[in-house]
């Protein structure tokens, strides 16, 4: 009888101790190339004179941005999406963004480069969407999450 009671006790402990694993959030792996960066100070320092935005496409949580600039190879263009909040009180919240472009080798050749940015770092609590305005791109992007 003691063995049956012990077996039932251990079985009960086994099933209740594993229950907490069901509540653990599994990290979502992004398919984007890079994360967007929310940094107001850095946003103010970004120069947009060395490139032109030619295409912007929202694909789920990824924003694909295509730019043209002079560089020897597209791989010599390093891109970041730097964002900051707007002072305007609007709904959906307005987020201003710039493309930060670092060119590692200058040439007279015009290169095109597309990089996708994960927008989840820009999500705001209490809202399920933001309006993303990219400097030098005429159409704001409505990002819903």
N, C-alpha and C. Protein backbone atom coordinates (compact mmCIF):
# COMPACT_ATOMS: atom_id res chain seq x y z
N UNK A 1 0.81 -1.18 0.00
CA UNK A 1 0.00 0.00 0.00
C UNK A 1 0.87 1.27 0.00
N UNK A 2 1.97 1.21 0.76
CA UNK A 2 2.86 2.36 0.81
C UNK A 2 3.49 2.60 -0.56
N UNK A 3 3.79 1.52 -1.30
CA UNK A 3 4.39 1.66 -2.62
C UNK A 3 3.41 2.31 -3.60
N UNK A 4 2.14 1.94 -3.52
CA UNK A 4 1.12 2.53 -4.40
C UNK A 4 0.96 4.01 -4.08
N UNK A 5 0.88 4.34 -2.77
CA UNK A 5 0.76 5.73 -2.36
C UNK A 5 1.98 6.54 -2.81
N UNK A 6 3.17 5.99 -2.66
CA UNK A 6 4.40 6.66 -3.08
C UNK A 6 4.42 6.86 -4.59
N UNK A 7 3.98 5.85 -5.34
CA UNK A 7 3.93 5.96 -6.80
C UNK A 7 2.94 7.04 -7.21
N UNK A 8 1.78 7.10 -6.60
CA UNK A 8 0.79 8.13 -6.92
C UNK A 8 1.31 9.51 -6.55
N UNK A 9 1.99 9.64 -5.42
CA UNK A 9 2.55 10.90 -4.98
C UNK A 9 3.61 11.41 -5.96
N UNK A 10 4.51 10.54 -6.38
CA UNK A 10 5.57 10.93 -7.31
C UNK A 10 5.00 11.27 -8.69
N UNK A 11 3.97 10.54 -9.12
CA UNK A 11 3.32 10.84 -10.40
C UNK A 11 2.66 12.21 -10.35
N UNK A 12 2.01 12.53 -9.24
CA UNK A 12 1.38 13.83 -9.06
C UNK A 12 2.39 14.96 -9.10
N UNK A 13 3.51 14.77 -8.45
CA UNK A 13 4.58 15.78 -8.45
C UNK A 13 5.12 15.96 -9.86
N UNK A 14 5.30 14.88 -10.60
CA UNK A 14 5.82 14.94 -11.95
C UNK A 14 4.92 15.79 -12.84
N UNK A 15 3.62 15.56 -12.80
CA UNK A 15 2.71 16.29 -13.67
C UNK A 15 2.55 17.75 -13.26
N UNK A 16 2.58 18.06 -12.00
CA UNK A 16 2.43 19.45 -11.59
C UNK A 16 3.72 20.24 -11.75
N UNK A 17 4.86 19.60 -11.65
CA UNK A 17 6.12 20.32 -11.79
C UNK A 17 6.40 20.70 -13.23
N UNK A 18 5.87 20.01 -14.19
CA UNK A 18 6.10 20.31 -15.60
C UNK A 18 5.10 21.32 -16.14
N UNK A 19 4.07 21.65 -15.37
CA UNK A 19 3.02 22.54 -15.83
C UNK A 19 3.55 23.94 -16.15
N UNK A 20 4.50 24.43 -15.40
CA UNK A 20 4.99 25.79 -15.59
C UNK A 20 5.65 25.98 -16.95
N UNK A 21 6.13 24.95 -17.58
CA UNK A 21 6.78 25.07 -18.89
C UNK A 21 5.80 25.50 -19.97
N UNK A 22 4.51 25.23 -19.77
CA UNK A 22 3.51 25.64 -20.75
C UNK A 22 3.32 27.15 -20.77
N UNK A 23 3.64 27.82 -19.69
CA UNK A 23 3.44 29.27 -19.58
C UNK A 23 4.64 30.08 -20.06
N UNK A 24 5.75 29.45 -20.36
CA UNK A 24 6.96 30.16 -20.76
C UNK A 24 6.78 30.66 -22.19
N UNK A 25 7.04 31.96 -22.39
CA UNK A 25 6.94 32.53 -23.73
C UNK A 25 8.16 32.10 -24.54
N UNK A 26 7.91 31.60 -25.71
CA UNK A 26 8.99 31.20 -26.59
C UNK A 26 9.40 32.41 -27.43
N UNK A 27 10.69 32.70 -27.51
CA UNK A 27 11.11 33.87 -28.28
C UNK A 27 10.77 33.69 -29.76
N UNK A 28 10.31 34.78 -30.36
CA UNK A 28 9.99 34.77 -31.78
C UNK A 28 11.26 35.15 -32.53
N UNK A 29 11.64 34.33 -33.45
CA UNK A 29 12.84 34.59 -34.25
C UNK A 29 12.44 35.40 -35.47
N UNK A 30 13.06 36.52 -35.63
CA UNK A 30 12.74 37.43 -36.72
C UNK A 30 13.39 36.96 -38.01
N UNK A 31 12.68 37.16 -39.11
CA UNK A 31 13.24 36.87 -40.43
C UNK A 31 13.83 38.12 -41.06
N UNK A 32 13.86 39.20 -40.32
CA UNK A 32 14.39 40.47 -40.83
C UNK A 32 15.91 40.48 -40.73
N UNK A 33 16.52 41.35 -41.52
CA UNK A 33 17.98 41.46 -41.51
C UNK A 33 18.50 42.11 -40.22
N UNK A 34 17.81 43.16 -39.76
CA UNK A 34 18.26 43.93 -38.60
C UNK A 34 17.06 44.39 -37.79
N UNK A 35 17.31 44.81 -36.55
CA UNK A 35 16.27 45.41 -35.73
C UNK A 35 16.25 46.91 -35.95
N UNK A 36 15.06 47.50 -35.93
CA UNK A 36 14.95 48.95 -35.92
C UNK A 36 15.46 49.44 -34.56
N UNK A 37 15.96 50.66 -34.53
CA UNK A 37 16.55 51.22 -33.31
C UNK A 37 15.75 52.45 -32.91
N UNK A 38 15.24 52.47 -31.68
CA UNK A 38 14.50 53.62 -31.16
C UNK A 38 15.45 54.44 -30.30
N UNK A 39 15.94 55.56 -30.85
CA UNK A 39 16.94 56.37 -30.16
C UNK A 39 16.82 57.82 -30.64
N UNK A 40 16.19 58.66 -29.84
CA UNK A 40 15.96 60.05 -30.23
C UNK A 40 17.24 60.85 -30.45
N UNK A 41 18.24 60.65 -29.61
CA UNK A 41 19.50 61.38 -29.76
C UNK A 41 20.20 60.99 -31.06
N UNK A 42 20.25 59.72 -31.33
CA UNK A 42 20.91 59.23 -32.56
C UNK A 42 20.13 59.70 -33.78
N UNK A 43 18.80 59.73 -33.69
CA UNK A 43 17.95 60.18 -34.80
C UNK A 43 18.34 61.60 -35.21
N UNK A 44 18.58 62.48 -34.24
CA UNK A 44 18.93 63.87 -34.53
C UNK A 44 20.27 63.98 -35.25
N UNK A 45 21.17 63.01 -35.07
CA UNK A 45 22.51 63.06 -35.65
C UNK A 45 22.59 62.44 -37.04
N UNK A 46 21.55 61.72 -37.48
CA UNK A 46 21.61 61.00 -38.75
C UNK A 46 21.48 61.97 -39.92
N UNK A 47 22.44 61.89 -40.84
CA UNK A 47 22.39 62.67 -42.07
C UNK A 47 21.74 61.83 -43.16
N UNK A 48 20.88 62.47 -43.95
CA UNK A 48 20.21 61.74 -45.03
C UNK A 48 20.65 62.23 -46.41
N UNK A 49 21.78 62.90 -46.47
CA UNK A 49 22.24 63.50 -47.72
C UNK A 49 22.94 62.51 -48.65
N UNK A 50 23.34 61.35 -48.16
CA UNK A 50 24.18 60.46 -48.97
C UNK A 50 23.42 59.28 -49.58
N UNK A 51 22.10 59.35 -49.67
CA UNK A 51 21.33 58.27 -50.28
C UNK A 51 19.96 58.78 -50.72
N UNK A 52 19.26 57.92 -51.46
CA UNK A 52 17.89 58.20 -51.85
C UNK A 52 17.07 56.94 -51.60
N UNK A 53 15.94 57.08 -50.91
CA UNK A 53 15.03 55.95 -50.69
C UNK A 53 14.25 55.74 -51.98
N UNK A 54 14.28 54.51 -52.53
CA UNK A 54 13.56 54.23 -53.78
C UNK A 54 12.37 53.30 -53.61
N UNK A 55 12.32 52.55 -52.48
CA UNK A 55 11.18 51.66 -52.26
C UNK A 55 11.09 51.30 -50.78
N UNK A 56 9.85 51.19 -50.30
CA UNK A 56 9.58 50.77 -48.93
C UNK A 56 8.40 49.81 -48.98
N UNK A 57 8.58 48.62 -48.38
CA UNK A 57 7.53 47.61 -48.38
C UNK A 57 7.41 47.04 -46.96
N UNK A 58 6.18 47.03 -46.43
CA UNK A 58 5.93 46.42 -45.13
C UNK A 58 5.51 44.98 -45.36
N UNK A 59 6.23 44.06 -44.72
CA UNK A 59 5.96 42.63 -44.86
C UNK A 59 5.89 42.03 -43.47
N UNK A 60 4.70 42.02 -42.86
CA UNK A 60 4.55 41.54 -41.49
C UNK A 60 5.21 42.50 -40.53
N UNK A 61 6.14 42.00 -39.70
CA UNK A 61 6.89 42.86 -38.78
C UNK A 61 8.15 43.42 -39.42
N UNK A 62 8.41 43.06 -40.68
CA UNK A 62 9.63 43.52 -41.37
C UNK A 62 9.31 44.66 -42.32
N UNK A 63 10.11 45.70 -42.26
CA UNK A 63 10.02 46.81 -43.20
C UNK A 63 11.22 46.71 -44.12
N UNK A 64 10.96 46.47 -45.41
CA UNK A 64 12.04 46.37 -46.40
C UNK A 64 12.25 47.74 -47.04
N UNK A 65 13.46 48.24 -46.90
CA UNK A 65 13.80 49.56 -47.42
C UNK A 65 14.89 49.40 -48.48
N UNK A 66 14.64 49.99 -49.64
CA UNK A 66 15.63 49.96 -50.72
C UNK A 66 16.13 51.39 -50.94
N UNK A 67 17.44 51.54 -50.96
CA UNK A 67 18.05 52.85 -51.18
C UNK A 67 19.04 52.76 -52.34
N UNK A 68 19.40 53.91 -52.90
CA UNK A 68 20.50 53.98 -53.85
C UNK A 68 21.52 54.98 -53.30
N UNK A 69 22.78 54.67 -53.54
CA UNK A 69 23.86 55.54 -53.11
C UNK A 69 25.11 55.15 -53.89
N UNK A 70 26.14 55.98 -53.82
CA UNK A 70 27.37 55.64 -54.52
C UNK A 70 28.27 54.81 -53.60
N UNK A 71 28.65 53.66 -54.10
CA UNK A 71 29.54 52.75 -53.38
C UNK A 71 30.08 51.77 -54.40
N UNK A 72 31.19 51.12 -54.07
CA UNK A 72 31.77 50.17 -55.01
C UNK A 72 30.91 48.92 -55.14
N UNK A 73 30.40 48.43 -54.02
CA UNK A 73 29.55 47.23 -54.01
C UNK A 73 28.39 47.46 -53.04
N UNK A 74 27.24 46.82 -53.28
CA UNK A 74 26.12 46.98 -52.33
C UNK A 74 26.50 46.56 -50.91
N UNK A 75 27.43 45.61 -50.79
CA UNK A 75 27.86 45.16 -49.46
C UNK A 75 28.61 46.24 -48.69
N UNK A 76 29.07 47.28 -49.39
CA UNK A 76 29.80 48.37 -48.75
C UNK A 76 28.86 49.41 -48.15
N UNK A 77 27.54 49.21 -48.31
CA UNK A 77 26.54 50.09 -47.73
C UNK A 77 25.96 49.44 -46.48
N UNK A 78 26.18 50.03 -45.33
CA UNK A 78 25.62 49.50 -44.08
C UNK A 78 24.45 50.39 -43.68
N UNK A 79 23.28 49.77 -43.46
CA UNK A 79 22.05 50.54 -43.19
C UNK A 79 21.48 50.21 -41.82
N UNK A 80 20.93 51.24 -41.16
CA UNK A 80 20.18 51.09 -39.92
C UNK A 80 18.93 51.95 -40.02
N UNK A 81 17.86 51.52 -39.37
CA UNK A 81 16.64 52.31 -39.28
C UNK A 81 16.60 52.88 -37.87
N UNK A 82 16.71 54.21 -37.78
CA UNK A 82 16.74 54.91 -36.49
C UNK A 82 15.42 55.67 -36.35
N UNK A 83 14.73 55.47 -35.22
CA UNK A 83 13.41 56.07 -35.03
C UNK A 83 13.35 56.86 -33.74
N UNK A 84 12.39 57.78 -33.70
CA UNK A 84 12.11 58.56 -32.51
C UNK A 84 10.62 58.86 -32.48
N UNK A 85 10.12 59.11 -31.29
CA UNK A 85 8.71 59.44 -31.14
C UNK A 85 8.44 60.86 -31.60
N UNK A 86 7.19 61.13 -31.96
CA UNK A 86 6.78 62.46 -32.36
C UNK A 86 6.19 63.20 -31.17
N UNK A 87 6.30 64.52 -31.18
CA UNK A 87 5.71 65.32 -30.12
C UNK A 87 4.20 65.47 -30.31
N UNK A 88 3.72 65.21 -31.50
CA UNK A 88 2.29 65.33 -31.79
C UNK A 88 1.52 64.22 -31.08
N UNK A 89 0.37 64.59 -30.53
CA UNK A 89 -0.49 63.60 -29.88
C UNK A 89 -1.55 63.19 -30.89
N UNK A 90 -1.29 62.09 -31.57
CA UNK A 90 -2.20 61.59 -32.60
C UNK A 90 -2.39 60.10 -32.41
N UNK A 91 -3.46 59.59 -33.02
CA UNK A 91 -3.65 58.14 -33.03
C UNK A 91 -3.83 57.72 -34.47
N UNK A 92 -3.13 56.72 -34.93
CA UNK A 92 -2.13 55.95 -34.19
C UNK A 92 -0.89 56.79 -33.92
N UNK A 93 -0.13 56.39 -32.87
CA UNK A 93 1.08 57.15 -32.53
C UNK A 93 2.00 57.29 -33.75
N UNK A 94 2.58 58.46 -33.89
CA UNK A 94 3.47 58.76 -35.00
C UNK A 94 4.92 58.53 -34.58
N UNK A 95 5.63 57.75 -35.37
CA UNK A 95 7.04 57.49 -35.14
C UNK A 95 7.80 58.00 -36.36
N UNK A 96 8.78 58.86 -36.13
CA UNK A 96 9.61 59.41 -37.20
C UNK A 96 10.85 58.52 -37.34
N UNK A 97 11.26 58.27 -38.59
CA UNK A 97 12.42 57.39 -38.81
C UNK A 97 13.30 57.94 -39.92
N UNK A 98 14.58 57.61 -39.80
CA UNK A 98 15.57 57.93 -40.83
C UNK A 98 16.39 56.68 -41.09
N UNK A 99 16.91 56.60 -42.29
CA UNK A 99 17.86 55.54 -42.62
C UNK A 99 19.25 56.10 -42.33
N UNK A 100 19.98 55.38 -41.50
CA UNK A 100 21.37 55.73 -41.22
C UNK A 100 22.22 54.90 -42.18
N UNK A 101 22.98 55.57 -43.01
CA UNK A 101 23.78 54.88 -44.02
C UNK A 101 25.25 55.15 -43.79
N UNK A 102 26.01 54.06 -43.69
CA UNK A 102 27.46 54.16 -43.59
C UNK A 102 28.04 53.54 -44.85
N UNK A 103 28.87 54.29 -45.54
CA UNK A 103 29.49 53.82 -46.78
C UNK A 103 30.94 53.51 -46.49
N UNK A 104 31.33 52.26 -46.74
CA UNK A 104 32.69 51.83 -46.40
C UNK A 104 33.70 52.05 -47.53
N UNK A 105 33.23 52.30 -48.75
CA UNK A 105 34.14 52.61 -49.85
C UNK A 105 33.38 53.42 -50.90
N UNK A 106 33.89 54.59 -51.20
CA UNK A 106 33.22 55.47 -52.16
C UNK A 106 33.66 55.17 -53.58
N UNK A 107 32.71 55.24 -54.49
CA UNK A 107 32.96 55.11 -55.92
C UNK A 107 31.97 56.01 -56.64
N UNK A 108 32.12 56.13 -57.92
CA UNK A 108 31.16 56.90 -58.70
C UNK A 108 30.01 56.02 -59.18
N UNK A 109 30.05 54.75 -58.86
CA UNK A 109 29.01 53.82 -59.27
C UNK A 109 27.83 53.93 -58.30
N UNK A 110 26.63 53.97 -58.85
CA UNK A 110 25.42 54.01 -58.02
C UNK A 110 25.00 52.57 -57.73
N UNK A 111 24.88 52.25 -56.46
CA UNK A 111 24.48 50.91 -56.03
C UNK A 111 23.12 50.98 -55.36
N UNK A 112 22.40 49.87 -55.45
CA UNK A 112 21.11 49.75 -54.79
C UNK A 112 21.22 48.66 -53.74
N UNK A 113 20.59 48.89 -52.59
CA UNK A 113 20.65 47.91 -51.50
C UNK A 113 19.31 47.87 -50.80
N UNK A 114 18.84 46.66 -50.48
CA UNK A 114 17.60 46.48 -49.73
C UNK A 114 17.93 45.77 -48.42
N UNK A 115 17.44 46.32 -47.33
CA UNK A 115 17.61 45.72 -46.01
C UNK A 115 16.24 45.71 -45.34
N UNK A 116 15.93 44.61 -44.65
CA UNK A 116 14.66 44.55 -43.92
C UNK A 116 14.93 44.78 -42.44
N UNK A 117 14.05 45.57 -41.82
CA UNK A 117 14.20 45.94 -40.43
C UNK A 117 13.02 45.41 -39.63
N UNK A 118 13.31 44.77 -38.50
CA UNK A 118 12.29 44.26 -37.60
C UNK A 118 11.72 45.44 -36.83
N UNK A 119 10.42 45.68 -36.95
CA UNK A 119 9.78 46.82 -36.31
C UNK A 119 9.28 46.54 -34.90
N UNK A 120 9.41 45.31 -34.41
CA UNK A 120 8.88 45.02 -33.08
C UNK A 120 9.51 45.89 -31.97
N UNK A 121 10.77 46.35 -32.08
CA UNK A 121 11.27 47.25 -31.03
C UNK A 121 10.53 48.60 -30.99
N UNK A 122 9.76 48.93 -32.03
CA UNK A 122 9.04 50.19 -32.07
C UNK A 122 7.62 50.08 -31.53
N UNK A 123 7.17 48.87 -31.21
CA UNK A 123 5.81 48.68 -30.71
C UNK A 123 5.64 49.43 -29.39
N UNK A 124 4.45 50.04 -29.23
CA UNK A 124 4.16 50.83 -28.03
C UNK A 124 3.06 50.14 -27.24
N UNK A 125 3.23 50.11 -25.93
CA UNK A 125 2.20 49.51 -25.09
C UNK A 125 0.96 50.41 -25.12
N UNK A 126 -0.20 49.78 -25.10
CA UNK A 126 -1.45 50.52 -25.16
C UNK A 126 -1.91 50.85 -26.56
N UNK A 127 -1.14 50.47 -27.55
CA UNK A 127 -1.52 50.71 -28.95
C UNK A 127 -1.29 49.42 -29.73
N UNK A 128 -2.06 49.22 -30.77
CA UNK A 128 -1.85 48.03 -31.61
C UNK A 128 -1.40 48.41 -33.01
N UNK A 129 -1.06 49.68 -33.19
CA UNK A 129 -0.53 50.14 -34.47
C UNK A 129 0.22 51.45 -34.28
N UNK A 130 1.15 51.72 -35.19
CA UNK A 130 1.84 53.00 -35.23
C UNK A 130 1.90 53.46 -36.67
N UNK A 131 2.02 54.74 -36.82
CA UNK A 131 2.23 55.31 -38.15
C UNK A 131 3.71 55.66 -38.25
N UNK A 132 4.40 55.08 -39.22
CA UNK A 132 5.84 55.26 -39.37
C UNK A 132 6.10 56.19 -40.54
N UNK A 133 6.72 57.31 -40.26
CA UNK A 133 7.04 58.29 -41.29
C UNK A 133 8.55 58.28 -41.51
N UNK A 134 8.96 57.86 -42.69
CA UNK A 134 10.39 57.78 -43.01
C UNK A 134 10.78 59.03 -43.78
N UNK A 135 11.79 59.72 -43.29
CA UNK A 135 12.27 60.92 -43.95
C UNK A 135 12.68 60.57 -45.39
N UNK A 136 12.29 61.41 -46.34
CA UNK A 136 12.57 61.24 -47.78
C UNK A 136 11.70 60.16 -48.42
N UNK A 137 10.66 59.69 -47.73
CA UNK A 137 9.69 58.77 -48.33
C UNK A 137 8.33 59.42 -48.15
N UNK A 138 7.59 59.59 -49.23
CA UNK A 138 6.38 60.42 -49.20
C UNK A 138 5.19 59.79 -48.48
N UNK A 139 5.12 58.48 -48.41
CA UNK A 139 3.94 57.81 -47.86
C UNK A 139 4.22 57.24 -46.48
N UNK A 140 3.45 57.64 -45.46
CA UNK A 140 3.63 57.04 -44.14
C UNK A 140 3.22 55.55 -44.18
N UNK A 141 3.83 54.75 -43.34
CA UNK A 141 3.57 53.32 -43.27
C UNK A 141 2.73 53.06 -42.02
N UNK A 142 1.61 52.37 -42.16
CA UNK A 142 0.79 51.99 -41.02
C UNK A 142 1.19 50.57 -40.62
N UNK A 143 1.88 50.48 -39.49
CA UNK A 143 2.35 49.19 -38.96
C UNK A 143 1.40 48.74 -37.88
N UNK A 144 0.68 47.63 -38.13
CA UNK A 144 -0.26 47.07 -37.18
C UNK A 144 0.34 45.82 -36.57
N UNK A 145 0.18 45.67 -35.27
CA UNK A 145 0.76 44.52 -34.56
C UNK A 145 -0.21 44.00 -33.54
